[in-house]
Amino acid sequence: MKYGLRKPSVKKSFKARTTGKAKRAVKKAIIPGYGKKGMGWIKNPKKAAYNKVYNKTTFSIWDIFKIFK
């Protein structure tokens, strides 16, 4: 488990920003429960628990800039 500052990745950041609205709309129409709150705990509880702890114990470089706003 990682603690503290996450190393930024330009590749992953670009991918996250360009994954389209249309792709999410199609998945939402096909997969029941897609995008609903708490579905991660039903689908894969081990991964959901890991992600919850990871997101509480790490921060990105951009979070530092949000503090100073």
PDB file of N, CA and C in Angstrom:
ATOM      1  N   MET A   1       0.846  -1.179   0.000  1.00  0.00           N
ATOM      2  CA  MET A   1       0.000   0.000   0.000  1.00  0.00           C
ATOM      3  C   MET A   1       0.887   1.236   0.000  1.00  0.00           C
ATOM      4  N   LYS A   2       0.511   2.209  -0.793  1.00  0.00           N
ATOM      5  CA  LYS A   2       1.278   3.446  -0.909  1.00  0.00           C
ATOM      6  C   LYS A   2       0.724   4.500   0.046  1.00  0.00           C
ATOM      7  N   TYR A   3       1.632   5.328   0.589  1.00  0.00           N
ATOM      8  CA  TYR A   3       1.253   6.450   1.440  1.00  0.00           C
ATOM      9  C   TYR A   3       1.926   7.701   0.900  1.00  0.00           C
ATOM     10  N   GLY A   4       1.233   8.823   0.938  1.00  0.00           N
ATOM     11  CA  GLY A   4       1.839  10.085   0.539  1.00  0.00           C
ATOM     12  C   GLY A   4       1.563  10.456  -0.899  1.00  0.00           C
ATOM     13  N   LEU A   5       2.525  11.132  -1.508  1.00  0.00           N
ATOM     14  CA  LEU A   5       2.380  11.701  -2.848  1.00  0.00           C
ATOM     15  C   LEU A   5       2.433  10.631  -3.935  1.00  0.00           C
ATOM     16  N   ARG A   6       1.441  10.657  -4.843  1.00  0.00           N
ATOM     17  CA  ARG A   6       1.436   9.761  -6.002  1.00  0.00           C
ATOM     18  C   ARG A   6       2.267  10.383  -7.113  1.00  0.00           C
ATOM     19  N   LYS A   7       2.978   9.549  -7.865  1.00  0.00           N
ATOM     20  CA  LYS A   7       3.772  10.025  -8.996  1.00  0.00           C
ATOM     21  C   LYS A   7       2.831  10.333 -10.160  1.00  0.00           C
ATOM     22  N   PRO A   8       2.847  11.548 -10.707  1.00  0.00           N
ATOM     23  CA  PRO A   8       1.927  11.878 -11.788  1.00  0.00           C
ATOM     24  C   PRO A   8       2.269  11.153 -13.090  1.00  0.00           C
ATOM     25  N   SER A   9       1.242  10.761 -13.838  1.00  0.00           N
ATOM     26  CA  SER A   9       1.422  10.105 -15.121  1.00  0.00           C
ATOM     27  C   SER A   9       0.640  10.873 -16.181  1.00  0.00           C
ATOM     28  N   VAL A  10       1.350  11.476 -17.122  1.00  0.00           N
ATOM     29  CA  VAL A  10       0.703  12.253 -18.183  1.00  0.00           C
ATOM     30  C   VAL A  10      -0.158  11.345 -19.049  1.00  0.00           C
ATOM     31  N   LYS A  11       0.331  10.151 -19.334  1.00  0.00           N
ATOM     32  CA  LYS A  11      -0.388   9.200 -20.181  1.00  0.00           C
ATOM     33  C   LYS A  11      -1.745   8.811 -19.578  1.00  0.00           C
ATOM     34  N   LYS A  12      -1.744   8.463 -18.289  1.00  0.00           N
ATOM     35  CA  LYS A  12      -2.982   8.064 -17.620  1.00  0.00           C
ATOM     36  C   LYS A  12      -3.939   9.240 -17.462  1.00  0.00           C
ATOM     37  N   SER A  13      -3.382  10.418 -17.194  1.00  0.00           N
ATOM     38  CA  SER A  13      -4.201  11.616 -17.031  1.00  0.00           C
ATOM     39  C   SER A  13      -4.901  11.962 -18.345  1.00  0.00           C
ATOM     40  N   PHE A  14      -4.165  11.876 -19.454  1.00  0.00           N
ATOM     41  CA  PHE A  14      -4.736  12.151 -20.779  1.00  0.00           C
ATOM     42  C   PHE A  14      -5.839  11.147 -21.111  1.00  0.00           C
ATOM     43  N   LYS A  15      -5.597   9.871 -20.821  1.00  0.00           N
ATOM     44  CA  LYS A  15      -6.569   8.816 -21.087  1.00  0.00           C
ATOM     45  C   LYS A  15      -7.861   9.045 -20.298  1.00  0.00           C
ATOM     46  N   ALA A  16      -7.719   9.446 -19.043  1.00  0.00           N
ATOM     47  CA  ALA A  16      -8.888   9.681 -18.194  1.00  0.00           C
ATOM     48  C   ALA A  16      -9.713  10.862 -18.701  1.00  0.00           C
ATOM     49  N   ARG A  17      -9.050  11.881 -19.225  1.00  0.00           N
ATOM     50  CA  ARG A  17      -9.757  13.065 -19.690  1.00  0.00           C
ATOM     51  C   ARG A  17     -10.386  12.883 -21.066  1.00  0.00           C
ATOM     52  N   THR A  18      -9.887  11.929 -21.856  1.00  0.00           N
ATOM     53  CA  THR A  18     -10.395  11.772 -23.218  1.00  0.00           C
ATOM     54  C   THR A  18     -11.317  10.575 -23.392  1.00  0.00           C
ATOM     55  N   THR A  19     -11.509   9.771 -22.341  1.00  0.00           N
ATOM     56  CA  THR A  19     -12.475   8.683 -22.426  1.00  0.00           C
ATOM     57  C   THR A  19     -13.835   9.339 -22.474  1.00  0.00           C
ATOM     58  N   GLY A  20     -14.534   9.128 -23.567  1.00  0.00           N
ATOM     59  CA  GLY A  20     -15.672   9.967 -23.919  1.00  0.00           C
ATOM     60  C   GLY A  20     -16.951   9.782 -23.152  1.00  0.00           C
ATOM     61  N   LYS A  21     -17.731  10.825 -23.230  1.00  0.00           N
ATOM     62  CA  LYS A  21     -19.063  10.870 -22.644  1.00  0.00           C
ATOM     63  C   LYS A  21     -19.956   9.828 -23.310  1.00  0.00           C
ATOM     64  N   ALA A  22     -19.777   9.639 -24.616  1.00  0.00           N
ATOM     65  CA  ALA A  22     -20.579   8.672 -25.374  1.00  0.00           C
ATOM     66  C   ALA A  22     -20.316   7.242 -24.897  1.00  0.00           C
ATOM     67  N   LYS A  23     -19.050   6.919 -24.626  1.00  0.00           N
ATOM     68  CA  LYS A  23     -18.684   5.585 -24.163  1.00  0.00           C
ATOM     69  C   LYS A  23     -19.367   5.273 -22.830  1.00  0.00           C
ATOM     70  N   ARG A  24     -19.379   6.262 -21.917  1.00  0.00           N
ATOM     71  CA  ARG A  24     -20.047   6.075 -20.632  1.00  0.00           C
ATOM     72  C   ARG A  24     -21.555   5.930 -20.808  1.00  0.00           C
ATOM     73  N   ALA A  25     -22.130   6.689 -21.740  1.00  0.00           N
ATOM     74  CA  ALA A  25     -23.576   6.626 -21.986  1.00  0.00           C
ATOM     75  C   ALA A  25     -23.975   5.246 -22.506  1.00  0.00           C
ATOM     76  N   VAL A  26     -23.157   4.670 -23.393  1.00  0.00           N
ATOM     77  CA  VAL A  26     -23.435   3.340 -23.936  1.00  0.00           C
ATOM     78  C   VAL A  26     -23.354   2.296 -22.828  1.00  0.00           C
ATOM     79  N   LYS A  27     -22.303   2.362 -22.009  1.00  0.00           N
ATOM     80  CA  LYS A  27     -22.165   1.405 -20.910  1.00  0.00           C
ATOM     81  C   LYS A  27     -23.338   1.513 -19.933  1.00  0.00           C
ATOM     82  N   LYS A  28     -23.766   2.740 -19.670  1.00  0.00           N
ATOM     83  CA  LYS A  28     -24.875   2.955 -18.737  1.00  0.00           C
ATOM     84  C   LYS A  28     -26.174   2.361 -19.276  1.00  0.00           C
ATOM     85  N   ALA A  29     -26.341   2.411 -20.612  1.00  0.00           N
ATOM     86  CA  ALA A  29     -27.543   1.864 -21.243  1.00  0.00           C
ATOM     87  C   ALA A  29     -27.530   0.337 -21.261  1.00  0.00           C
ATOM     88  N   ILE A  30     -26.335  -0.267 -21.375  1.00  0.00           N
ATOM     89  CA  ILE A  30     -26.210  -1.713 -21.515  1.00  0.00           C
ATOM     90  C   ILE A  30     -26.085  -2.421 -20.162  1.00  0.00           C
ATOM     91  N   ILE A  31     -25.241  -1.885 -19.287  1.00  0.00           N
ATOM     92  CA  ILE A  31     -24.928  -2.556 -18.022  1.00  0.00           C
ATOM     93  C   ILE A  31     -25.792  -1.974 -16.899  1.00  0.00           C
ATOM     94  N   PRO A  32     -26.684  -2.792 -16.312  1.00  0.00           N
ATOM     95  CA  PRO A  32     -27.486  -2.267 -15.202  1.00  0.00           C
ATOM     96  C   PRO A  32     -26.611  -1.993 -13.981  1.00  0.00           C
ATOM     97  N   GLY A  33     -26.766  -0.839 -13.382  1.00  0.00           N
ATOM     98  CA  GLY A  33     -25.982  -0.488 -12.215  1.00  0.00           C
ATOM     99  C   GLY A  33     -24.669   0.208 -12.530  1.00  0.00           C
ATOM    100  N   TYR A  34     -24.327   0.368 -13.830  1.00  0.00           N
ATOM    101  CA  TYR A  34     -23.068   1.040 -14.190  1.00  0.00           C
ATOM    102  C   TYR A  34     -23.151   2.507 -13.775  1.00  0.00           C
ATOM    103  N   GLY A  35     -22.144   2.950 -13.043  1.00  0.00           N
ATOM    104  CA  GLY A  35     -22.075   4.344 -12.625  1.00  0.00           C
ATOM    105  C   GLY A  35     -22.890   4.657 -11.391  1.00  0.00           C
ATOM    106  N   LYS A  36     -23.541   3.682 -10.825  1.00  0.00           N
ATOM    107  CA  LYS A  36     -24.321   3.906  -9.607  1.00  0.00           C
ATOM    108  C   LYS A  36     -23.394   3.848  -8.395  1.00  0.00           C
ATOM    109  N   LYS A  37     -23.691   4.640  -7.404  1.00  0.00           N
ATOM    110  CA  LYS A  37     -22.868   4.704  -6.201  1.00  0.00           C
ATOM    111  C   LYS A  37     -22.937   3.380  -5.440  1.00  0.00           C
ATOM    112  N   GLY A  38     -21.781   2.886  -5.015  1.00  0.00           N
ATOM    113  CA  GLY A  38     -21.713   1.680  -4.206  1.00  0.00           C
ATOM    114  C   GLY A  38     -21.669   0.381  -4.985  1.00  0.00           C
ATOM    115  N   MET A  39     -21.693   0.424  -6.304  1.00  0.00           N
ATOM    116  CA  MET A  39     -21.690  -0.801  -7.101  1.00  0.00           C
ATOM    117  C   MET A  39     -20.351  -1.523  -7.050  1.00  0.00           C
ATOM    118  N   GLY A  40     -19.274  -0.796  -6.760  1.00  0.00           N
ATOM    119  CA  GLY A  40     -17.961  -1.418  -6.644  1.00  0.00           C
ATOM    120  C   GLY A  40     -17.907  -2.408  -5.487  1.00  0.00           C
ATOM    121  N   TRP A  41     -18.608  -2.090  -4.408  1.00  0.00           N
ATOM    122  CA  TRP A  41     -18.629  -2.980  -3.244  1.00  0.00           C
ATOM    123  C   TRP A  41     -19.344  -4.281  -3.568  1.00  0.00           C
ATOM    124  N   ILE A  42     -20.337  -4.228  -4.453  1.00  0.00           N
ATOM    125  CA  ILE A  42     -21.078  -5.434  -4.843  1.00  0.00           C
ATOM    126  C   ILE A  42     -20.270  -6.257  -5.840  1.00  0.00           C
ATOM    127  N   LYS A  43     -19.669  -5.578  -6.810  1.00  0.00           N
ATOM    128  CA  LYS A  43     -18.941  -6.256  -7.884  1.00  0.00           C
ATOM    129  C   LYS A  43     -17.627  -6.878  -7.402  1.00  0.00           C
ATOM    130  N   ASN A  44     -16.826  -6.103  -6.647  1.00  0.00           N
ATOM    131  CA  ASN A  44     -15.519  -6.591  -6.185  1.00  0.00           C
ATOM    132  C   ASN A  44     -15.173  -5.914  -4.855  1.00  0.00           C
ATOM    133  N   PRO A  45     -15.647  -6.484  -3.734  1.00  0.00           N
ATOM    134  CA  PRO A  45     -15.442  -5.831  -2.437  1.00  0.00           C
ATOM    135  C   PRO A  45     -13.979  -5.661  -2.026  1.00  0.00           C
ATOM    136  N   LYS A  46     -13.121  -6.609  -2.405  1.00  0.00           N
ATOM    137  CA  LYS A  46     -11.701  -6.524  -2.038  1.00  0.00           C
ATOM    138  C   LYS A  46     -11.053  -5.308  -2.713  1.00  0.00           C
ATOM    139  N   LYS A  47     -11.329  -5.118  -3.998  1.00  0.00           N
ATOM    140  CA  LYS A  47     -10.776  -3.993  -4.738  1.00  0.00           C
ATOM    141  C   LYS A  47     -11.356  -2.675  -4.229  1.00  0.00           C
ATOM    142  N   ALA A  48     -12.650  -2.659  -3.905  1.00  0.00           N
ATOM    143  CA  ALA A  48     -13.300  -1.454  -3.400  1.00  0.00           C
ATOM    144  C   ALA A  48     -12.699  -1.029  -2.066  1.00  0.00           C
ATOM    145  N   ALA A  49     -12.413  -1.990  -1.193  1.00  0.00           N
ATOM    146  CA  ALA A  49     -11.807  -1.687   0.106  1.00  0.00           C
ATOM    147  C   ALA A  49     -10.396  -1.137  -0.088  1.00  0.00           C
ATOM    148  N   TYR A  50      -9.616  -1.751  -0.983  1.00  0.00           N
ATOM    149  CA  TYR A  50      -8.263  -1.285  -1.268  1.00  0.00           C
ATOM    150  C   TYR A  50      -8.292   0.145  -1.788  1.00  0.00           C
ATOM    151  N   ASN A  51      -9.195   0.413  -2.749  1.00  0.00           N
ATOM    152  CA  ASN A  51      -9.278   1.740  -3.347  1.00  0.00           C
ATOM    153  C   ASN A  51      -9.688   2.796  -2.327  1.00  0.00           C
ATOM    154  N   LYS A  52     -10.569   2.445  -1.405  1.00  0.00           N
ATOM    155  CA  LYS A  52     -11.003   3.395  -0.382  1.00  0.00           C
ATOM    156  C   LYS A  52      -9.823   3.799   0.502  1.00  0.00           C
ATOM    157  N   VAL A  53      -9.030   2.821   0.938  1.00  0.00           N
ATOM    158  CA  VAL A  53      -7.864   3.109   1.775  1.00  0.00           C
ATOM    159  C   VAL A  53      -6.816   3.876   0.975  1.00  0.00           C
ATOM    160  N   TYR A  54      -6.560   3.455  -0.262  1.00  0.00           N
ATOM    161  CA  TYR A  54      -5.557   4.102  -1.127  1.00  0.00           C
ATOM    162  C   TYR A  54      -5.889   5.574  -1.343  1.00  0.00           C
ATOM    163  N   ASN A  55      -7.161   5.856  -1.634  1.00  0.00           N
ATOM    164  CA  ASN A  55      -7.557   7.234  -1.905  1.00  0.00           C
ATOM    165  C   ASN A  55      -7.520   8.116  -0.666  1.00  0.00           C
ATOM    166  N   LYS A  56      -7.618   7.511   0.517  1.00  0.00           N
ATOM    167  CA  LYS A  56      -7.538   8.294   1.749  1.00  0.00           C
ATOM    168  C   LYS A  56      -6.094   8.507   2.208  1.00  0.00           C
ATOM    169  N   THR A  57      -5.158   7.645   1.790  1.00  0.00           N
ATOM    170  CA  THR A  57      -3.778   7.727   2.276  1.00  0.00           C
ATOM    171  C   THR A  57      -2.810   8.343   1.277  1.00  0.00           C
ATOM    172  N   THR A  58      -3.260   8.604   0.046  1.00  0.00           N
ATOM    173  CA  THR A  58      -2.380   9.205  -0.949  1.00  0.00           C
ATOM    174  C   THR A  58      -2.994  10.495  -1.476  1.00  0.00           C
ATOM    175  N   PHE A  59      -2.153  11.309  -2.124  1.00  0.00           N
ATOM    176  CA  PHE A  59      -2.633  12.541  -2.744  1.00  0.00           C
ATOM    177  C   PHE A  59      -1.790  12.821  -3.973  1.00  0.00           C
ATOM    178  N   SER A  60      -2.336  13.611  -4.888  1.00  0.00           N
ATOM    179  CA  SER A  60      -1.615  13.925  -6.112  1.00  0.00           C
ATOM    180  C   SER A  60      -0.990  15.308  -6.012  1.00  0.00           C
ATOM    181  N   ILE A  61      -0.173  15.625  -6.968  1.00  0.00           N
ATOM    182  CA  ILE A  61       0.488  16.933  -7.011  1.00  0.00           C
ATOM    183  C   ILE A  61      -0.557  18.032  -7.181  1.00  0.00           C
ATOM    184  N   TRP A  62      -1.664  17.711  -7.850  1.00  0.00           N
ATOM    185  CA  TRP A  62      -2.716  18.706  -8.099  1.00  0.00           C
ATOM    186  C   TRP A  62      -3.497  19.022  -6.830  1.00  0.00           C
ATOM    187  N   ASP A  63      -3.559  18.081  -5.904  1.00  0.00           N
ATOM    188  CA  ASP A  63      -4.231  18.325  -4.627  1.00  0.00           C
ATOM    189  C   ASP A  63      -3.504  19.397  -3.819  1.00  0.00           C
ATOM    190  N   ILE A  64      -2.197  19.485  -3.980  1.00  0.00           N
ATOM    191  CA  ILE A  64      -1.404  20.499  -3.278  1.00  0.00           C
ATOM    192  C   ILE A  64      -1.815  21.888  -3.757  1.00  0.00           C
ATOM    193  N   PHE A  65      -2.046  22.043  -5.070  1.00  0.00           N
ATOM    194  CA  PHE A  65      -2.448  23.328  -5.618  1.00  0.00           C
ATOM    195  C   PHE A  65      -3.852  23.734  -5.170  1.00  0.00           C
ATOM    196  N   LYS A  66      -4.723  22.737  -4.931  1.00  0.00           N
ATOM    197  CA  LYS A  66      -6.096  23.016  -4.481  1.00  0.00           C
ATOM    198  C   LYS A  66      -6.105  23.616  -3.077  1.00  0.00           C
ATOM    199  N   ILE A  67      -5.123  23.242  -2.257  1.00  0.00           N
ATOM    200  CA  ILE A  67      -5.038  23.755  -0.889  1.00  0.00           C
ATOM    201  C   ILE A  67      -4.794  25.271  -0.897  1.00  0.00           C
ATOM    202  N   PHE A  68      -3.978  25.741  -1.845  1.00  0.00           N
ATOM    203  CA  PHE A  68      -3.590  27.146  -1.875  1.00  0.00           C
ATOM    204  C   PHE A  68      -4.609  28.051  -2.551  1.00  0.00           C
ATOM    205  N   LYS A  69      -5.696  27.510  -3.059  1.00  0.00           N
ATOM    206  CA  LYS A  69      -6.716  28.335  -3.722  1.00  0.00           C
ATOM    207  C   LYS A  69      -7.573  29.039  -2.724  1.00  0.00           C
TER     208      LYS A  69
END
